[in-house]
N, C-alpha and C. Protein backbone atom coordinates (compact mmCIF):
# COMPACT_ATOMS: atom_id res chain seq x y z
N UNK A 1 51.77 -20.13 21.48
CA UNK A 1 51.41 -20.46 22.75
C UNK A 1 52.67 -20.33 23.81
N UNK A 2 53.91 -20.53 23.38
CA UNK A 2 55.08 -20.48 24.01
C UNK A 2 55.24 -19.17 24.80
N UNK A 3 54.76 -18.01 23.86
CA UNK A 3 55.05 -16.68 24.28
C UNK A 3 54.01 -16.27 25.48
N UNK A 4 52.90 -16.98 25.64
CA UNK A 4 51.89 -16.69 26.60
C UNK A 4 52.21 -17.24 28.04
N UNK A 5 53.08 -18.35 27.87
CA UNK A 5 53.53 -19.01 29.17
C UNK A 5 54.15 -18.05 30.24
N UNK A 6 55.10 -17.20 29.98
CA UNK A 6 55.70 -16.23 30.92
C UNK A 6 54.37 -15.44 31.56
N UNK A 7 53.69 -14.81 30.71
CA UNK A 7 52.42 -14.16 31.29
C UNK A 7 51.69 -14.83 32.26
N UNK A 8 51.14 -16.03 31.87
CA UNK A 8 50.47 -16.84 32.76
C UNK A 8 51.17 -17.11 33.87
N UNK A 9 52.42 -17.36 33.92
CA UNK A 9 53.28 -17.60 35.35
C UNK A 9 53.21 -16.26 36.13
N UNK A 10 53.50 -15.15 35.44
CA UNK A 10 53.09 -13.94 36.13
C UNK A 10 51.91 -13.73 36.92
N UNK A 11 50.66 -14.23 36.12
CA UNK A 11 49.53 -13.75 36.62
C UNK A 11 49.04 -14.79 37.95
N UNK A 12 49.71 -16.07 37.66
CA UNK A 12 49.68 -17.12 38.75
C UNK A 12 50.33 -16.65 40.04
N UNK A 13 51.70 -16.17 39.73
CA UNK A 13 52.18 -15.63 40.93
C UNK A 13 51.48 -14.71 41.71
N UNK A 14 50.82 -13.69 40.91
CA UNK A 14 49.85 -12.58 41.69
C UNK A 14 48.63 -13.29 42.46
N UNK A 15 48.36 -14.32 41.90
CA UNK A 15 47.04 -14.84 42.49
C UNK A 15 47.42 -15.58 43.77
N UNK A 16 48.51 -16.42 43.61
CA UNK A 16 49.13 -17.12 45.01
C UNK A 16 49.53 -16.12 45.96
N UNK A 17 50.12 -15.13 45.49
CA UNK A 17 50.64 -14.01 46.49
C UNK A 17 49.55 -13.32 47.20
N UNK A 18 48.43 -13.11 46.58
CA UNK A 18 47.27 -12.44 47.05
C UNK A 18 46.62 -13.42 48.14
N UNK A 19 46.57 -14.58 47.81
CA UNK A 19 45.84 -15.69 48.60
C UNK A 19 46.85 -15.66 49.96
N UNK A 20 48.07 -15.65 49.73
CA UNK A 20 48.84 -15.97 51.04
C UNK A 20 48.91 -14.55 51.92
N UNK A 21 49.21 -13.34 50.86
CA UNK A 21 48.95 -12.12 51.88
C UNK A 21 47.52 -12.00 52.82
N UNK A 22 46.66 -12.33 51.95
CA UNK A 22 45.18 -12.08 52.55
C UNK A 22 45.00 -13.16 53.78
N UNK A 23 45.81 -14.36 53.63
CA UNK A 23 45.77 -15.36 54.69
C UNK A 23 46.62 -15.03 55.90
N UNK A 24 47.86 -14.70 55.72
CA UNK A 24 48.86 -14.69 56.75
C UNK A 24 49.24 -13.16 56.99
N UNK A 25 48.90 -12.24 56.12
CA UNK A 25 49.38 -10.77 56.20
C UNK A 25 50.77 -10.70 55.55
N UNK A 26 50.74 -9.50 54.70
CA UNK A 26 52.01 -9.33 54.02
C UNK A 26 53.28 -9.52 54.69
N UNK A 27 53.47 -8.86 55.80
CA UNK A 27 54.76 -9.07 56.55
C UNK A 27 55.22 -10.34 57.02
N UNK A 28 54.31 -11.44 57.00
CA UNK A 28 54.58 -12.81 57.29
C UNK A 28 54.66 -13.58 56.08
N UNK A 29 54.77 -13.13 55.01
CA UNK A 29 55.01 -13.98 53.71
C UNK A 29 56.19 -13.39 53.04
N UNK A 30 57.15 -14.43 52.73
CA UNK A 30 58.32 -14.19 52.04
C UNK A 30 58.23 -14.57 50.60
N UNK A 31 59.27 -14.16 49.79
CA UNK A 31 59.12 -14.60 48.41
C UNK A 31 59.53 -16.04 48.58
N UNK A 32 60.31 -16.50 49.32
CA UNK A 32 60.60 -17.90 49.31
C UNK A 32 59.35 -18.79 49.74
N UNK A 33 58.66 -18.32 50.50
CA UNK A 33 57.22 -19.16 50.79
C UNK A 33 56.24 -18.94 49.48
N UNK A 34 56.33 -17.85 48.81
CA UNK A 34 55.50 -17.80 47.70
C UNK A 34 55.99 -18.76 46.53
N UNK A 35 57.41 -18.91 46.51
CA UNK A 35 57.87 -19.74 45.41
C UNK A 35 57.69 -21.29 45.83
N UNK A 36 57.81 -21.62 47.12
CA UNK A 36 57.53 -22.88 47.58
C UNK A 36 56.05 -23.46 47.30
N UNK A 37 55.30 -22.44 47.53
CA UNK A 37 53.74 -22.54 47.53
C UNK A 37 53.48 -22.77 46.07
N UNK A 38 54.16 -22.23 45.15
CA UNK A 38 53.70 -22.39 43.71
C UNK A 38 54.36 -23.63 43.07
N UNK A 39 55.63 -24.24 43.78
CA UNK A 39 56.31 -25.13 43.23
C UNK A 39 57.47 -24.85 42.28
N UNK A 40 57.73 -23.57 42.42
CA UNK A 40 59.00 -22.99 41.21
C UNK A 40 60.15 -22.64 42.06
N UNK A 41 61.05 -22.27 41.32
CA UNK A 41 62.38 -21.95 42.03
C UNK A 41 62.28 -20.34 42.53
N UNK A 42 63.08 -19.88 43.28
CA UNK A 42 63.05 -18.45 43.53
C UNK A 42 63.48 -17.69 42.46
N UNK A 43 64.45 -18.31 41.62
CA UNK A 43 64.75 -17.51 40.57
C UNK A 43 63.82 -17.29 39.39
N UNK A 44 62.78 -18.26 39.45
CA UNK A 44 61.90 -18.32 38.47
C UNK A 44 61.02 -17.14 38.94
N UNK A 45 60.62 -16.83 40.17
CA UNK A 45 59.80 -15.84 40.74
C UNK A 45 60.64 -14.56 40.56
N UNK A 46 61.96 -14.45 40.85
CA UNK A 46 62.49 -13.17 40.59
C UNK A 46 62.44 -12.72 39.27
N UNK A 47 62.47 -13.70 38.22
CA UNK A 47 62.51 -13.22 36.85
C UNK A 47 61.28 -12.43 36.66
N UNK A 48 60.10 -12.76 37.17
CA UNK A 48 58.91 -12.21 36.85
C UNK A 48 58.82 -10.68 37.82
N UNK A 49 59.20 -10.96 39.11
CA UNK A 49 59.12 -9.80 40.20
C UNK A 49 60.25 -9.90 40.99
N UNK A 50 61.30 -9.08 40.52
CA UNK A 50 62.65 -9.16 41.28
C UNK A 50 62.73 -8.73 42.66
N UNK A 51 61.46 -7.94 43.20
CA UNK A 51 61.38 -7.73 44.50
C UNK A 51 59.99 -7.96 44.95
N UNK A 52 59.78 -8.06 46.33
CA UNK A 52 58.72 -8.16 47.06
C UNK A 52 57.72 -6.89 46.66
N UNK A 53 58.29 -5.95 46.68
CA UNK A 53 57.55 -4.45 46.49
C UNK A 53 56.74 -4.58 45.14
N UNK A 54 57.53 -5.24 44.27
CA UNK A 54 56.95 -5.15 42.87
C UNK A 54 55.68 -6.15 42.89
N UNK A 55 55.61 -7.10 43.70
CA UNK A 55 54.33 -7.97 44.02
C UNK A 55 53.22 -7.09 44.55
N UNK A 56 53.78 -6.35 45.58
CA UNK A 56 52.66 -5.48 46.23
C UNK A 56 52.07 -4.52 45.34
N UNK A 57 53.02 -3.84 44.56
CA UNK A 57 52.65 -2.82 43.69
C UNK A 57 51.73 -3.41 42.67
N UNK A 58 52.09 -4.45 42.11
CA UNK A 58 51.15 -5.10 41.03
C UNK A 58 49.86 -5.38 41.48
N UNK A 59 49.67 -6.01 42.87
CA UNK A 59 48.40 -6.22 43.28
C UNK A 59 47.62 -4.98 43.48
N UNK A 60 48.37 -4.00 44.06
CA UNK A 60 47.56 -2.70 44.32
C UNK A 60 47.10 -1.99 42.99
N UNK A 61 48.02 -2.19 41.95
CA UNK A 61 47.43 -1.55 40.69
C UNK A 61 46.29 -2.00 40.28
N UNK A 62 46.18 -3.63 40.37
CA UNK A 62 44.67 -4.21 40.00
C UNK A 62 43.79 -3.92 40.90
N UNK A 63 43.82 -3.90 42.25
CA UNK A 63 42.90 -3.27 43.12
C UNK A 63 42.37 -1.90 42.69
N UNK A 64 43.42 -0.91 42.43
CA UNK A 64 43.17 0.57 42.15
C UNK A 64 42.23 0.58 40.73
N UNK A 65 42.67 -0.29 39.79
CA UNK A 65 41.93 -0.30 38.43
C UNK A 65 40.57 -0.72 38.75
N UNK A 66 40.17 -1.68 39.61
CA UNK A 66 38.95 -2.29 39.98
C UNK A 66 38.23 -1.25 40.71
N UNK A 67 38.92 -0.65 41.64
CA UNK A 67 38.25 0.41 42.55
C UNK A 67 37.67 1.74 41.72
N UNK A 68 38.55 2.16 40.83
CA UNK A 68 38.05 3.29 40.01
C UNK A 68 36.88 3.03 39.06
N UNK A 69 36.78 1.77 38.56
CA UNK A 69 35.61 1.32 37.82
C UNK A 69 34.38 1.37 38.66
N UNK A 70 34.50 0.82 39.81
CA UNK A 70 33.40 0.65 40.74
C UNK A 70 32.98 2.16 41.21
N UNK A 71 33.98 2.95 41.48
CA UNK A 71 33.54 4.24 42.26
C UNK A 71 32.95 5.08 41.24
N UNK A 72 33.14 4.95 39.83
CA UNK A 72 32.57 5.92 38.90
C UNK A 72 30.87 5.59 38.64
N UNK A 73 30.48 4.48 39.30
CA UNK A 73 29.08 4.11 39.30
C UNK A 73 28.14 4.95 40.46
N UNK A 74 28.99 5.52 41.32
CA UNK A 74 28.33 6.26 42.55
C UNK A 74 27.21 7.19 42.20
N UNK A 75 27.43 7.97 41.06
CA UNK A 75 26.47 8.92 40.99
C UNK A 75 25.11 8.37 40.39
N UNK A 76 25.09 6.94 40.14
CA UNK A 76 23.79 6.59 39.68
C UNK A 76 23.09 5.69 40.92
N UNK A 77 23.60 6.11 42.11
CA UNK A 77 22.91 5.69 43.33
C UNK A 77 21.84 6.74 43.60
N UNK A 78 20.44 6.23 43.61
CA UNK A 78 19.40 7.05 43.96
C UNK A 78 18.66 7.05 45.31
N UNK A 79 18.96 5.81 45.83
CA UNK A 79 18.02 5.72 46.93
C UNK A 79 18.81 4.52 47.94
N UNK A 80 18.23 4.20 48.91
CA UNK A 80 18.92 3.32 50.07
C UNK A 80 19.18 1.98 49.36
N UNK A 81 18.40 1.43 48.48
CA UNK A 81 18.41 0.18 47.97
C UNK A 81 19.85 0.33 47.10
N UNK A 82 19.89 1.21 46.14
CA UNK A 82 21.10 1.32 45.50
C UNK A 82 22.35 1.58 46.29
N UNK A 83 22.28 2.29 47.39
CA UNK A 83 23.42 2.41 48.10
C UNK A 83 23.94 1.15 48.88
N UNK A 84 22.90 0.32 49.32
CA UNK A 84 23.20 -0.74 49.92
C UNK A 84 24.07 -1.71 48.95
N UNK A 85 23.42 -1.88 47.75
CA UNK A 85 24.17 -2.67 46.84
C UNK A 85 25.57 -2.08 46.55
N UNK A 86 25.77 -0.59 46.52
CA UNK A 86 26.99 0.01 46.09
C UNK A 86 27.95 -0.21 47.23
N UNK A 87 27.60 -0.09 48.41
CA UNK A 87 28.59 -0.42 49.59
C UNK A 87 28.88 -1.75 49.70
N UNK A 88 27.92 -2.78 49.49
CA UNK A 88 28.31 -4.26 49.74
C UNK A 88 29.28 -4.38 48.46
N UNK A 89 29.04 -3.91 47.27
CA UNK A 89 30.05 -4.36 46.19
C UNK A 89 31.50 -3.73 46.42
N UNK A 90 31.42 -2.50 47.23
CA UNK A 90 32.73 -2.06 47.46
C UNK A 90 33.40 -2.73 48.64
N UNK A 91 32.73 -3.26 49.56
CA UNK A 91 33.13 -3.79 50.68
C UNK A 91 33.66 -5.38 49.97
N UNK A 92 33.10 -5.88 49.19
CA UNK A 92 33.53 -7.01 48.49
C UNK A 92 34.93 -6.81 47.70
N UNK A 93 34.98 -5.75 47.21
CA UNK A 93 36.35 -5.45 46.57
C UNK A 93 37.43 -5.25 47.55
N UNK A 94 37.18 -4.52 48.57
CA UNK A 94 38.07 -4.42 49.66
C UNK A 94 38.51 -5.66 50.44
N UNK A 95 37.35 -6.66 50.41
CA UNK A 95 37.80 -7.89 51.04
C UNK A 95 38.83 -8.90 50.16
N UNK A 96 38.58 -8.73 48.88
CA UNK A 96 39.28 -9.22 47.85
C UNK A 96 40.74 -8.88 48.02
N UNK A 97 41.07 -7.79 48.33
CA UNK A 97 42.53 -7.32 48.52
C UNK A 97 42.70 -6.86 50.03
N UNK A 98 42.16 -7.54 50.97
CA UNK A 98 42.13 -7.28 52.31
C UNK A 98 43.50 -7.11 53.09
N UNK A 99 44.40 -7.66 52.39
CA UNK A 99 45.84 -7.62 53.03
C UNK A 99 46.15 -6.10 53.12
N UNK A 100 45.83 -5.37 51.98
CA UNK A 100 46.13 -3.90 52.08
C UNK A 100 45.62 -3.16 53.09
N UNK A 101 44.43 -3.50 53.57
CA UNK A 101 43.83 -2.93 54.72
C UNK A 101 44.37 -3.35 56.01
N UNK A 102 44.44 -4.75 56.12
CA UNK A 102 44.79 -5.29 57.47
C UNK A 102 46.35 -4.75 57.74
N UNK A 103 47.32 -4.56 56.74
CA UNK A 103 48.43 -4.19 57.22
C UNK A 103 48.81 -2.90 56.60
N UNK A 104 47.62 -2.04 56.37
CA UNK A 104 48.01 -0.73 55.82
C UNK A 104 49.06 0.35 56.39
N UNK A 105 49.25 0.36 57.65
CA UNK A 105 50.06 1.38 58.15
C UNK A 105 51.56 0.89 57.96
N UNK A 106 51.59 -0.54 58.10
CA UNK A 106 52.79 -1.04 57.93
C UNK A 106 53.51 -0.92 56.53
N UNK A 107 52.52 -1.08 55.51
CA UNK A 107 52.77 -1.02 54.19
C UNK A 107 53.18 0.32 53.75
N UNK A 108 52.19 1.26 54.16
CA UNK A 108 52.63 2.63 53.89
C UNK A 108 53.97 3.09 54.38
N UNK A 109 54.40 2.61 55.41
CA UNK A 109 55.58 3.28 56.05
C UNK A 109 56.83 2.77 55.47
N UNK A 110 56.86 1.74 54.59
CA UNK A 110 57.91 1.21 53.84
C UNK A 110 57.74 0.99 52.29
N UNK A 111 56.58 1.61 51.80
CA UNK A 111 56.47 1.46 50.29
C UNK A 111 55.88 2.98 49.97
N UNK A 112 56.95 3.82 49.34
CA UNK A 112 56.57 5.19 49.10
C UNK A 112 55.48 5.41 47.91
N UNK A 113 55.62 4.39 46.98
CA UNK A 113 54.73 4.22 45.98
C UNK A 113 53.20 4.16 46.38
N UNK A 114 53.02 3.12 47.36
CA UNK A 114 51.97 2.79 47.91
C UNK A 114 51.45 4.04 48.77
N UNK A 115 52.18 4.55 49.56
CA UNK A 115 51.86 5.85 50.12
C UNK A 115 51.23 6.86 49.40
N UNK A 116 51.76 7.26 48.32
CA UNK A 116 51.20 8.31 47.57
C UNK A 116 50.06 7.88 46.87
N UNK A 117 49.87 6.79 46.32
CA UNK A 117 48.74 6.23 45.38
C UNK A 117 47.64 5.97 46.60
N UNK A 118 47.76 5.68 47.86
CA UNK A 118 46.64 5.26 48.74
C UNK A 118 46.09 6.47 49.09
N UNK A 119 46.88 7.63 49.02
CA UNK A 119 46.14 9.09 49.27
C UNK A 119 45.33 9.47 48.30
N UNK A 120 45.68 9.00 46.96
CA UNK A 120 44.78 9.31 45.86
C UNK A 120 43.60 8.34 45.97
N UNK A 121 43.64 7.28 46.55
CA UNK A 121 42.60 6.28 46.63
C UNK A 121 41.62 6.83 47.79
N UNK A 122 42.13 7.38 48.82
CA UNK A 122 41.14 8.27 49.83
C UNK A 122 40.29 9.31 49.19
N UNK A 123 41.03 10.04 48.26
CA UNK A 123 40.53 11.25 47.76
C UNK A 123 39.40 10.73 46.69
N UNK A 124 39.63 9.55 46.11
CA UNK A 124 38.56 9.03 45.23
C UNK A 124 37.44 8.68 45.75
N UNK A 125 37.59 7.84 46.84
CA UNK A 125 36.53 7.23 47.58
C UNK A 125 35.71 8.52 48.17
N UNK A 126 36.30 9.37 48.60
CA UNK A 126 35.71 10.73 49.10
C UNK A 126 34.72 11.34 48.10
N UNK A 127 35.43 11.52 46.84
CA UNK A 127 34.71 12.07 45.78
C UNK A 127 33.55 11.30 45.48
N UNK A 128 33.75 10.00 45.38
CA UNK A 128 32.48 9.01 44.72
C UNK A 128 31.42 9.13 45.88
N UNK A 129 31.78 9.03 47.32
CA UNK A 129 30.93 9.11 48.23
C UNK A 129 30.12 10.38 48.16
N UNK A 130 30.79 11.42 48.08
CA UNK A 130 30.09 12.85 47.79
C UNK A 130 29.12 12.78 46.69
N UNK A 131 29.37 12.13 45.67
CA UNK A 131 28.58 12.08 44.40
C UNK A 131 27.32 11.34 44.74
N UNK A 132 27.63 10.12 45.37
CA UNK A 132 26.47 9.42 45.76
C UNK A 132 25.61 10.01 46.74
N UNK A 133 26.07 10.77 47.63
CA UNK A 133 25.23 11.83 48.48
C UNK A 133 24.31 12.81 47.79
N UNK A 134 25.14 13.60 46.69
CA UNK A 134 24.47 14.48 46.02
C UNK A 134 23.40 13.95 45.15
N UNK A 135 23.67 12.54 44.74
CA UNK A 135 22.61 12.00 43.70
C UNK A 135 21.53 11.70 44.63
N UNK A 136 21.76 11.07 45.88
CA UNK A 136 20.68 10.68 46.90
C UNK A 136 19.66 11.93 47.26
N UNK A 137 20.30 13.21 47.28
CA UNK A 137 19.84 14.27 47.68
C UNK A 137 18.99 14.89 46.54
N UNK A 138 19.22 14.65 45.38
CA UNK A 138 18.54 15.23 44.19
C UNK A 138 17.33 14.28 44.00
N UNK A 139 17.40 12.97 44.35
CA UNK A 139 16.23 12.14 44.15
C UNK A 139 15.37 12.38 45.27
N UNK A 140 15.79 12.99 46.33
CA UNK A 140 14.91 13.07 47.53
C UNK A 140 15.07 12.07 48.64
N UNK A 141 15.88 11.13 48.56
CA UNK A 141 16.13 10.20 49.21
C UNK A 141 16.88 10.57 50.74
N UNK A 142 17.48 11.64 50.56
CA UNK A 142 18.21 12.15 51.97
C UNK A 142 17.88 13.67 51.80
N UNK A 143 17.87 14.30 52.96
CA UNK A 143 17.75 15.69 53.15
C UNK A 143 19.08 16.23 53.80
N UNK A 144 20.02 16.88 53.08
CA UNK A 144 21.29 17.19 53.72
C UNK A 144 21.75 18.58 53.25
N UNK A 145 22.22 19.35 54.11
CA UNK A 145 22.74 20.65 53.67
C UNK A 145 24.06 20.20 52.96
N UNK A 146 24.18 21.25 52.04
CA UNK A 146 25.53 21.00 51.23
C UNK A 146 26.81 21.07 52.13
N UNK A 147 26.71 21.76 53.08
CA UNK A 147 27.84 21.98 54.16
C UNK A 147 28.12 20.74 54.82
N UNK A 148 27.26 19.81 55.06
CA UNK A 148 27.27 18.73 55.73
C UNK A 148 27.85 17.42 54.93
N UNK A 149 27.84 17.59 53.71
CA UNK A 149 28.40 16.49 52.69
C UNK A 149 29.59 16.13 52.94
N UNK A 150 30.59 17.00 52.92
CA UNK A 150 32.12 16.62 53.10
C UNK A 150 32.45 15.99 54.24
N UNK A 151 31.94 16.39 55.48
CA UNK A 151 32.17 15.80 56.66
C UNK A 151 31.49 14.32 56.69
N UNK A 152 30.34 14.28 56.27
CA UNK A 152 29.60 13.02 56.10
C UNK A 152 30.28 12.05 55.31
N UNK A 153 30.76 12.36 54.09
CA UNK A 153 31.33 11.52 53.18
C UNK A 153 32.85 11.13 53.79
N UNK A 154 33.59 12.03 54.43
CA UNK A 154 34.81 11.61 55.02
C UNK A 154 34.67 10.62 56.27
N UNK A 155 33.61 10.96 57.01
CA UNK A 155 33.22 9.88 58.01
C UNK A 155 33.02 8.38 57.49
N UNK A 156 32.22 8.39 56.34
CA UNK A 156 31.88 7.12 55.68
C UNK A 156 33.27 6.62 55.13
N UNK A 157 34.00 7.36 54.57
CA UNK A 157 35.23 6.91 54.13
C UNK A 157 36.19 6.42 55.02
N UNK A 158 36.23 6.79 56.33
CA UNK A 158 36.88 6.49 57.59
C UNK A 158 36.31 5.03 57.87
N UNK A 159 35.22 4.82 57.98
CA UNK A 159 34.61 3.36 58.33
C UNK A 159 34.99 2.49 57.00
N UNK A 160 34.96 2.82 55.92
CA UNK A 160 35.17 1.93 54.63
C UNK A 160 36.88 1.58 54.81
N UNK A 161 37.49 2.45 55.23
CA UNK A 161 39.05 2.41 55.26
C UNK A 161 39.53 1.37 56.47
N UNK A 162 38.82 1.56 57.62
CA UNK A 162 39.39 0.92 58.81
C UNK A 162 38.36 -0.23 59.32
N UNK A 163 37.23 -0.43 58.60
CA UNK A 163 36.31 -1.45 59.05
C UNK A 163 37.02 -2.83 59.26
N UNK A 164 37.77 -3.36 58.30
CA UNK A 164 38.46 -4.57 58.42
C UNK A 164 39.44 -4.61 59.64
N UNK A 165 39.95 -3.44 60.06
CA UNK A 165 41.04 -3.44 60.93
C UNK A 165 40.23 -3.64 62.37
N UNK A 166 38.91 -3.02 62.46
CA UNK A 166 37.95 -3.21 63.49
C UNK A 166 37.59 -4.64 63.62
N UNK A 167 37.07 -5.14 62.56
CA UNK A 167 36.89 -6.51 62.56
C UNK A 167 37.96 -7.43 63.02
N UNK A 168 39.23 -7.19 62.69
CA UNK A 168 40.21 -8.05 63.11
C UNK A 168 40.49 -7.88 64.66
N UNK A 169 40.38 -6.67 65.21
CA UNK A 169 40.63 -6.55 66.63
C UNK A 169 39.38 -7.25 67.42
N UNK A 170 38.28 -7.27 66.89
CA UNK A 170 37.14 -7.96 67.34
C UNK A 170 37.39 -9.58 67.43
N UNK A 171 38.18 -10.07 66.53
CA UNK A 171 38.19 -11.61 66.49
C UNK A 171 39.57 -11.85 65.52
N UNK A 172 40.76 -11.69 66.19
CA UNK A 172 41.83 -11.67 65.42
C UNK A 172 42.23 -13.11 64.76
N UNK A 173 41.48 -14.15 65.22
CA UNK A 173 41.73 -15.47 64.85
C UNK A 173 40.97 -15.84 63.60
N UNK A 174 39.84 -15.19 63.59
CA UNK A 174 38.77 -15.71 62.61
C UNK A 174 38.48 -14.51 61.75
N UNK A 175 38.43 -13.40 62.08
CA UNK A 175 37.81 -12.17 61.33
C UNK A 175 38.00 -12.00 59.69
N UNK A 176 39.28 -12.40 59.43
CA UNK A 176 39.65 -12.12 57.89
C UNK A 176 39.82 -13.54 57.25
N UNK A 177 39.39 -14.43 57.90
CA UNK A 177 39.19 -15.82 57.19
C UNK A 177 37.98 -15.81 56.22
N UNK A 178 37.97 -16.75 55.19
CA UNK A 178 36.78 -16.72 54.10
C UNK A 178 35.52 -16.95 54.66
N UNK A 179 35.39 -17.73 55.68
CA UNK A 179 34.06 -18.05 56.41
C UNK A 179 33.59 -16.93 56.92
N UNK A 180 34.19 -15.92 57.22
CA UNK A 180 33.78 -14.80 57.98
C UNK A 180 33.34 -13.70 57.10
N UNK A 181 33.76 -13.80 55.76
CA UNK A 181 33.53 -12.62 54.74
C UNK A 181 31.98 -12.25 54.86
N UNK A 182 31.10 -12.75 54.56
CA UNK A 182 29.65 -12.40 54.44
C UNK A 182 29.18 -11.74 55.64
N UNK A 183 29.46 -12.02 56.99
CA UNK A 183 29.02 -11.36 57.97
C UNK A 183 29.86 -10.01 58.06
N UNK A 184 31.08 -9.96 57.86
CA UNK A 184 31.89 -8.67 57.97
C UNK A 184 31.43 -7.81 56.85
N UNK A 185 31.30 -8.21 55.78
CA UNK A 185 30.92 -7.33 54.56
C UNK A 185 29.30 -6.66 55.07
N UNK A 186 28.36 -7.41 55.56
CA UNK A 186 27.23 -7.04 55.80
C UNK A 186 27.25 -5.98 56.80
N UNK A 187 28.08 -6.31 57.84
CA UNK A 187 28.12 -5.36 59.14
C UNK A 187 28.90 -4.05 58.64
N UNK A 188 29.75 -4.21 57.69
CA UNK A 188 30.61 -2.88 57.16
C UNK A 188 29.48 -1.98 56.48
N UNK A 189 28.87 -2.58 55.58
CA UNK A 189 27.86 -1.83 54.64
C UNK A 189 26.83 -1.44 55.58
N UNK A 190 26.22 -1.96 56.49
CA UNK A 190 25.28 -1.45 57.48
C UNK A 190 25.67 -0.12 58.41
N UNK A 191 27.00 -0.47 58.79
CA UNK A 191 27.46 0.68 59.78
C UNK A 191 27.80 2.05 58.61
N UNK A 192 28.37 1.82 57.53
CA UNK A 192 28.57 2.97 56.65
C UNK A 192 27.20 3.68 56.43
N UNK A 193 26.18 2.89 55.96
CA UNK A 193 25.08 3.66 55.65
C UNK A 193 24.35 4.13 56.88
N UNK A 194 24.48 3.49 58.17
CA UNK A 194 23.88 4.08 59.10
C UNK A 194 24.33 5.51 59.55
N UNK A 195 25.40 5.82 58.97
CA UNK A 195 25.67 7.43 59.06
C UNK A 195 24.74 8.07 58.61
N UNK A 196 23.99 7.71 57.56
CA UNK A 196 23.05 8.58 56.82
C UNK A 196 21.75 8.63 57.52
N UNK A 197 21.55 7.83 58.62
CA UNK A 197 20.25 7.68 59.26
C UNK A 197 19.58 9.07 59.64
N UNK A 198 20.39 10.00 60.22
CA UNK A 198 19.74 11.34 60.40
C UNK A 198 19.29 11.91 59.12
N UNK A 199 19.59 11.72 58.06
CA UNK A 199 19.60 12.40 56.82
C UNK A 199 18.35 11.91 56.00
N UNK A 200 18.02 10.62 56.17
CA UNK A 200 17.09 9.91 55.27
C UNK A 200 15.83 10.13 55.45
N UNK A 201 15.02 10.28 54.31
CA UNK A 201 13.67 10.50 54.38
C UNK A 201 12.97 9.28 55.08
N UNK A 202 11.86 9.65 55.53
CA UNK A 202 11.23 8.51 56.55
C UNK A 202 11.16 7.23 56.02
N UNK A 203 10.64 7.10 54.69
CA UNK A 203 10.35 5.75 53.96
C UNK A 203 11.75 5.21 53.85
N UNK A 204 12.73 5.93 53.41
CA UNK A 204 14.11 5.41 53.12
C UNK A 204 14.75 4.87 54.61
N UNK A 205 14.60 5.44 55.69
CA UNK A 205 14.98 5.11 56.89
C UNK A 205 14.29 3.71 57.26
N UNK A 206 13.07 3.78 57.10
CA UNK A 206 12.51 2.34 57.41
C UNK A 206 13.00 1.34 56.43
N UNK A 207 13.17 1.49 55.22
CA UNK A 207 13.80 0.50 54.37
C UNK A 207 15.23 0.15 54.67
N UNK A 208 16.19 1.17 55.11
CA UNK A 208 17.28 0.68 55.65
C UNK A 208 17.14 -0.23 56.70
N UNK A 209 16.44 0.09 57.83
CA UNK A 209 16.19 -0.88 58.68
C UNK A 209 15.73 -2.16 58.43
N UNK A 210 14.72 -2.23 57.29
CA UNK A 210 14.24 -3.34 56.82
C UNK A 210 15.37 -4.25 56.16
N UNK A 211 16.24 -3.66 55.35
CA UNK A 211 17.44 -4.37 54.64
C UNK A 211 18.20 -4.81 55.86
N UNK A 212 18.70 -3.97 56.66
CA UNK A 212 19.68 -4.30 57.89
C UNK A 212 18.93 -5.81 58.65
N UNK A 213 17.73 -5.83 58.98
CA UNK A 213 17.17 -6.74 59.65
C UNK A 213 17.02 -7.95 58.73
N UNK A 214 16.83 -8.00 57.42
CA UNK A 214 16.75 -9.01 56.48
C UNK A 214 17.90 -9.81 56.30
N UNK A 215 19.07 -9.07 56.44
CA UNK A 215 20.30 -9.60 56.08
C UNK A 215 20.96 -10.04 57.47
N UNK A 216 20.64 -9.54 58.65
CA UNK A 216 21.39 -9.67 59.82
C UNK A 216 20.99 -10.87 60.72
N UNK A 217 20.00 -11.67 60.18
CA UNK A 217 19.72 -12.75 60.83
C UNK A 217 20.70 -13.84 61.03
N UNK A 218 21.51 -14.18 59.87
CA UNK A 218 22.48 -15.07 60.03
C UNK A 218 23.94 -14.36 60.70
N UNK A 219 23.84 -13.18 60.83
CA UNK A 219 25.32 -12.48 61.14
C UNK A 219 25.21 -12.31 62.62
N UNK A 220 26.33 -12.62 63.11
CA UNK A 220 26.66 -12.67 64.53
C UNK A 220 26.86 -11.31 65.06
N UNK A 221 26.29 -10.61 65.87
CA UNK A 221 26.37 -9.38 66.26
C UNK A 221 27.63 -8.91 66.84
């Protein structure tokens, strides 16, 4: 059991750091604040993570691992119902690590590893969305020229990447708080999938409008 204690402390540090980063933004959270929140000495924190960048990188690695697993399921999306679930799940993961998106430009400007890895994340998202579009096209849910798939996938990834920034600008004091999560995720999923509107088969378009209507009642416009 004694051998497992340091590992558990390291995991707990990441849990607390993620919570603080998400709540206050990474630039506003110091290692001193993290150690104080945990009730441990700064030296204990540095033993596990000698620099703040190591905390950021460790959290990003966890995000990237979960994201890769999720994106691999994109070619199983056959229709609007599947796409709605897929996008909502993707937004839930982004929300879980929302500090990365809230402070994205600042993080990339000062963390070279994050800069290069996030470029890979964008490429992976684009490949995944293209796979989803291809699958929906084969099933007849959408009618899209192959030449339209790349720009459409890119547009969807742009919304995926910057949606939380848009939400933050709309309401800086509340947008990224836990109580705002469900509304923000539903709006994000709806706006990403709305880009498919011109390409959806008539029945699928009606179903998308139905899904949006069913979930939008409690959502503030």
